[in-house]
Amino acid sequence: MTKHSQSTYLLRLPRSVRAEVERRSKADGVSINQFVATAVAEKLAVMNTEVFFAERGDRADFVAFDRLMRRKRGEAPRREDTIEQQLRVESRWT
């Protein structure tokens, strides 16, 4: 990131929040600035994702979805397309 793509923002935090940010950033091995910048970016991503799915939901055709889910055609998965129960158990612990 170049110097021109960054800006400075004075942020006032309650002492308890500041103490928690300091503790968490130290535990993560990052600066307070990096911790806060990442937290803000994550919050924005969550908000943008919420908007994305709300807009997609508004365009959804639930009648077509229900029709698709009720259809009786199709075939069972082939053996090579299935996951054995033992593999599922092992993958949880790796």
N, C-alpha and C. Protein backbone atom coordinates (compact mmCIF):
# COMPACT_ATOMS: atom_id res chain seq x y z
N MET A 1 0.85 -1.17 0.00
CA MET A 1 0.00 0.00 0.00
C MET A 1 0.90 1.24 0.00
N THR A 2 0.62 2.19 -0.84
CA THR A 2 1.41 3.40 -0.91
C THR A 2 0.92 4.40 0.12
N LYS A 3 1.77 5.36 0.39
CA LYS A 3 1.42 6.38 1.37
C LYS A 3 0.19 7.19 0.93
N HIS A 4 0.01 7.36 -0.39
CA HIS A 4 -1.12 8.14 -0.89
C HIS A 4 -2.45 7.39 -0.80
N SER A 5 -2.40 6.08 -0.61
CA SER A 5 -3.64 5.31 -0.53
C SER A 5 -4.11 5.13 0.91
N GLN A 6 -3.44 5.78 1.84
CA GLN A 6 -3.81 5.69 3.25
C GLN A 6 -4.23 7.06 3.76
N SER A 7 -5.01 7.04 4.83
CA SER A 7 -5.36 8.29 5.48
C SER A 7 -5.26 8.10 6.98
N THR A 8 -5.17 9.19 7.70
CA THR A 8 -5.09 9.16 9.15
C THR A 8 -6.44 9.53 9.73
N TYR A 9 -6.84 8.79 10.78
CA TYR A 9 -8.13 9.03 11.40
C TYR A 9 -7.94 8.91 12.91
N LEU A 10 -8.22 9.99 13.61
CA LEU A 10 -8.15 9.97 15.06
C LEU A 10 -9.37 9.24 15.59
N LEU A 11 -9.15 8.23 16.39
CA LEU A 11 -10.23 7.39 16.88
C LEU A 11 -10.28 7.43 18.40
N ARG A 12 -11.44 7.78 18.92
CA ARG A 12 -11.64 7.77 20.37
C ARG A 12 -12.35 6.49 20.77
N LEU A 13 -11.73 5.77 21.71
CA LEU A 13 -12.30 4.52 22.18
C LEU A 13 -12.47 4.58 23.70
N PRO A 14 -13.50 3.95 24.23
CA PRO A 14 -13.58 3.81 25.68
C PRO A 14 -12.34 3.06 26.18
N ARG A 15 -11.91 3.37 27.37
CA ARG A 15 -10.69 2.74 27.91
C ARG A 15 -10.78 1.21 27.89
N SER A 16 -11.94 0.69 28.23
CA SER A 16 -12.09 -0.77 28.26
C SER A 16 -11.91 -1.38 26.87
N VAL A 17 -12.43 -0.71 25.85
CA VAL A 17 -12.28 -1.20 24.48
C VAL A 17 -10.83 -1.09 24.05
N ARG A 18 -10.21 0.03 24.36
CA ARG A 18 -8.79 0.22 24.02
C ARG A 18 -7.93 -0.86 24.67
N ALA A 19 -8.20 -1.17 25.93
CA ALA A 19 -7.42 -2.19 26.63
C ALA A 19 -7.59 -3.55 25.96
N GLU A 20 -8.82 -3.86 25.54
CA GLU A 20 -9.07 -5.14 24.88
C GLU A 20 -8.40 -5.18 23.51
N VAL A 21 -8.43 -4.07 22.78
CA VAL A 21 -7.75 -4.00 21.49
C VAL A 21 -6.25 -4.20 21.68
N GLU A 22 -5.68 -3.56 22.68
CA GLU A 22 -4.25 -3.73 22.94
C GLU A 22 -3.92 -5.18 23.26
N ARG A 23 -4.75 -5.79 24.11
CA ARG A 23 -4.52 -7.18 24.50
C ARG A 23 -4.63 -8.12 23.30
N ARG A 24 -5.67 -7.93 22.51
CA ARG A 24 -5.89 -8.81 21.35
C ARG A 24 -4.83 -8.61 20.27
N SER A 25 -4.48 -7.37 20.00
CA SER A 25 -3.47 -7.13 18.96
C SER A 25 -2.12 -7.70 19.37
N LYS A 26 -1.80 -7.58 20.65
CA LYS A 26 -0.54 -8.14 21.14
C LYS A 26 -0.55 -9.66 21.01
N ALA A 27 -1.69 -10.27 21.38
CA ALA A 27 -1.81 -11.73 21.26
C ALA A 27 -1.70 -12.18 19.81
N ASP A 28 -2.22 -11.38 18.88
CA ASP A 28 -2.15 -11.70 17.46
C ASP A 28 -0.81 -11.35 16.84
N GLY A 29 0.00 -10.60 17.57
CA GLY A 29 1.31 -10.21 17.06
C GLY A 29 1.25 -9.14 15.99
N VAL A 30 0.24 -8.26 16.09
CA VAL A 30 0.11 -7.17 15.12
C VAL A 30 0.00 -5.85 15.87
N SER A 31 0.19 -4.76 15.14
CA SER A 31 0.06 -3.45 15.76
C SER A 31 -1.42 -3.15 16.02
N ILE A 32 -1.66 -2.20 16.92
CA ILE A 32 -3.03 -1.76 17.19
C ILE A 32 -3.64 -1.23 15.90
N ASN A 33 -2.88 -0.47 15.14
CA ASN A 33 -3.37 0.09 13.89
C ASN A 33 -3.82 -1.02 12.93
N GLN A 34 -2.97 -2.04 12.77
CA GLN A 34 -3.32 -3.14 11.87
C GLN A 34 -4.54 -3.89 12.38
N PHE A 35 -4.62 -4.10 13.69
CA PHE A 35 -5.75 -4.80 14.27
C PHE A 35 -7.06 -4.05 14.01
N VAL A 36 -7.05 -2.73 14.27
CA VAL A 36 -8.26 -1.93 14.06
C VAL A 36 -8.62 -1.86 12.58
N ALA A 37 -7.63 -1.66 11.72
CA ALA A 37 -7.89 -1.60 10.28
C ALA A 37 -8.50 -2.91 9.78
N THR A 38 -7.99 -4.03 10.26
CA THR A 38 -8.53 -5.33 9.87
C THR A 38 -9.95 -5.50 10.40
N ALA A 39 -10.19 -5.09 11.64
CA ALA A 39 -11.54 -5.20 12.23
C ALA A 39 -12.54 -4.37 11.43
N VAL A 40 -12.16 -3.18 11.03
CA VAL A 40 -13.05 -2.32 10.23
C VAL A 40 -13.30 -2.97 8.87
N ALA A 41 -12.26 -3.50 8.24
CA ALA A 41 -12.41 -4.16 6.94
C ALA A 41 -13.33 -5.37 7.05
N GLU A 42 -13.19 -6.15 8.11
CA GLU A 42 -14.06 -7.31 8.31
C GLU A 42 -15.51 -6.89 8.51
N LYS A 43 -15.73 -5.85 9.27
CA LYS A 43 -17.10 -5.35 9.49
C LYS A 43 -17.71 -4.89 8.17
N LEU A 44 -16.94 -4.17 7.36
CA LEU A 44 -17.44 -3.73 6.05
C LEU A 44 -17.77 -4.93 5.16
N ALA A 45 -16.93 -5.96 5.20
CA ALA A 45 -17.19 -7.15 4.40
C ALA A 45 -18.49 -7.82 4.82
N VAL A 46 -18.74 -7.90 6.11
CA VAL A 46 -19.98 -8.49 6.61
C VAL A 46 -21.19 -7.67 6.14
N MET A 47 -21.09 -6.37 6.25
CA MET A 47 -22.19 -5.50 5.83
C MET A 47 -22.44 -5.60 4.32
N ASN A 48 -21.37 -5.64 3.54
CA ASN A 48 -21.52 -5.77 2.09
C ASN A 48 -22.11 -7.13 1.71
N THR A 49 -21.73 -8.17 2.43
CA THR A 49 -22.27 -9.50 2.18
C THR A 49 -23.76 -9.54 2.49
N GLU A 50 -24.14 -8.90 3.57
CA GLU A 50 -25.56 -8.83 3.93
C GLU A 50 -26.38 -8.14 2.83
N VAL A 51 -25.85 -7.05 2.32
CA VAL A 51 -26.53 -6.33 1.23
C VAL A 51 -26.61 -7.20 -0.02
N PHE A 52 -25.52 -7.87 -0.34
CA PHE A 52 -25.48 -8.74 -1.52
C PHE A 52 -26.57 -9.79 -1.46
N PHE A 53 -26.67 -10.51 -0.31
CA PHE A 53 -27.67 -11.57 -0.21
C PHE A 53 -29.09 -11.02 -0.12
N ALA A 54 -29.27 -9.85 0.46
CA ALA A 54 -30.60 -9.24 0.49
C ALA A 54 -31.05 -8.92 -0.93
N GLU A 55 -30.14 -8.36 -1.73
CA GLU A 55 -30.48 -8.05 -3.12
C GLU A 55 -30.75 -9.32 -3.92
N ARG A 56 -29.96 -10.37 -3.69
CA ARG A 56 -30.19 -11.64 -4.38
C ARG A 56 -31.53 -12.23 -3.97
N GLY A 57 -31.86 -12.14 -2.69
CA GLY A 57 -33.13 -12.66 -2.20
C GLY A 57 -34.31 -11.94 -2.81
N ASP A 58 -34.16 -10.65 -3.03
CA ASP A 58 -35.24 -9.87 -3.64
C ASP A 58 -35.52 -10.32 -5.08
N ARG A 59 -34.49 -10.85 -5.75
CA ARG A 59 -34.66 -11.29 -7.13
C ARG A 59 -35.04 -12.77 -7.24
N ALA A 60 -35.10 -13.46 -6.11
CA ALA A 60 -35.34 -14.91 -6.13
C ALA A 60 -36.74 -15.25 -6.63
N ASP A 61 -36.82 -16.35 -7.32
CA ASP A 61 -38.10 -16.88 -7.80
C ASP A 61 -38.40 -18.11 -6.95
N PHE A 62 -39.11 -17.91 -5.85
CA PHE A 62 -39.35 -18.99 -4.90
C PHE A 62 -40.29 -20.06 -5.46
N VAL A 63 -41.16 -19.70 -6.36
CA VAL A 63 -42.03 -20.68 -7.00
C VAL A 63 -41.18 -21.64 -7.83
N ALA A 64 -40.25 -21.10 -8.59
CA ALA A 64 -39.36 -21.94 -9.39
C ALA A 64 -38.47 -22.80 -8.50
N PHE A 65 -38.01 -22.24 -7.40
CA PHE A 65 -37.17 -22.99 -6.46
C PHE A 65 -37.95 -24.17 -5.89
N ASP A 66 -39.18 -23.92 -5.44
CA ASP A 66 -40.00 -25.00 -4.89
C ASP A 66 -40.27 -26.08 -5.93
N ARG A 67 -40.51 -25.67 -7.16
CA ARG A 67 -40.75 -26.62 -8.23
C ARG A 67 -39.50 -27.47 -8.47
N LEU A 68 -38.34 -26.85 -8.46
CA LEU A 68 -37.08 -27.56 -8.64
C LEU A 68 -36.84 -28.56 -7.51
N MET A 69 -37.11 -28.14 -6.29
CA MET A 69 -36.86 -29.01 -5.14
C MET A 69 -37.83 -30.19 -5.07
N ARG A 70 -39.01 -30.06 -5.67
CA ARG A 70 -40.00 -31.14 -5.63
C ARG A 70 -39.88 -32.12 -6.79
N ARG A 71 -39.04 -31.83 -7.75
CA ARG A 71 -38.96 -32.70 -8.92
C ARG A 71 -38.49 -34.10 -8.51
N LYS A 72 -38.94 -35.08 -9.23
CA LYS A 72 -38.68 -36.47 -8.87
C LYS A 72 -37.62 -37.10 -9.76
N ARG A 73 -37.17 -36.40 -10.76
CA ARG A 73 -36.15 -36.96 -11.65
C ARG A 73 -34.81 -37.00 -10.94
N GLY A 74 -33.87 -37.59 -11.63
CA GLY A 74 -32.51 -37.63 -11.11
C GLY A 74 -32.09 -39.05 -10.82
N GLU A 75 -30.88 -39.19 -10.41
CA GLU A 75 -30.35 -40.50 -10.06
C GLU A 75 -29.49 -40.36 -8.83
N ALA A 76 -29.29 -41.46 -8.15
CA ALA A 76 -28.47 -41.46 -6.94
C ALA A 76 -27.02 -41.16 -7.32
N PRO A 77 -26.25 -40.59 -6.40
CA PRO A 77 -24.83 -40.33 -6.69
C PRO A 77 -24.09 -41.63 -7.00
N ARG A 78 -23.16 -41.55 -7.92
CA ARG A 78 -22.32 -42.71 -8.21
C ARG A 78 -21.40 -42.96 -7.02
N ARG A 79 -20.92 -44.16 -6.89
CA ARG A 79 -20.06 -44.52 -5.75
C ARG A 79 -18.85 -43.58 -5.65
N GLU A 80 -18.25 -43.25 -6.79
CA GLU A 80 -17.06 -42.38 -6.74
C GLU A 80 -17.40 -40.94 -6.37
N ASP A 81 -18.68 -40.60 -6.36
CA ASP A 81 -19.10 -39.25 -5.98
C ASP A 81 -19.52 -39.15 -4.51
N THR A 82 -19.46 -40.24 -3.79
CA THR A 82 -19.87 -40.23 -2.39
C THR A 82 -18.64 -40.22 -1.49
N ILE A 83 -18.85 -39.75 -0.30
CA ILE A 83 -17.79 -39.73 0.70
C ILE A 83 -18.13 -40.77 1.76
N GLU A 84 -17.22 -41.66 1.98
CA GLU A 84 -17.46 -42.70 2.98
C GLU A 84 -17.53 -42.08 4.37
N GLN A 85 -18.31 -42.67 5.23
CA GLN A 85 -18.48 -42.16 6.60
C GLN A 85 -17.14 -42.06 7.31
N GLN A 86 -16.26 -43.03 7.14
CA GLN A 86 -14.97 -43.01 7.81
C GLN A 86 -14.15 -41.80 7.38
N LEU A 87 -14.19 -41.44 6.11
CA LEU A 87 -13.46 -40.27 5.63
C LEU A 87 -13.99 -39.00 6.28
N ARG A 88 -15.30 -38.92 6.47
CA ARG A 88 -15.89 -37.74 7.11
C ARG A 88 -15.40 -37.59 8.53
N VAL A 89 -15.32 -38.71 9.27
CA VAL A 89 -14.88 -38.66 10.65
C VAL A 89 -13.41 -38.24 10.72
N GLU A 90 -12.57 -38.83 9.87
CA GLU A 90 -11.15 -38.51 9.86
C GLU A 90 -10.90 -37.05 9.50
N SER A 91 -11.65 -36.53 8.54
CA SER A 91 -11.40 -35.16 8.09
C SER A 91 -11.75 -34.14 9.17
N ARG A 92 -12.62 -34.47 10.08
CA ARG A 92 -12.95 -33.53 11.17
C ARG A 92 -11.76 -33.27 12.08
N TRP A 93 -10.87 -34.22 12.15
CA TRP A 93 -9.76 -34.11 13.10
C TRP A 93 -8.45 -33.75 12.45
N THR A 94 -8.45 -33.47 11.17
CA THR A 94 -7.19 -33.11 10.51
C THR A 94 -7.20 -31.67 10.12
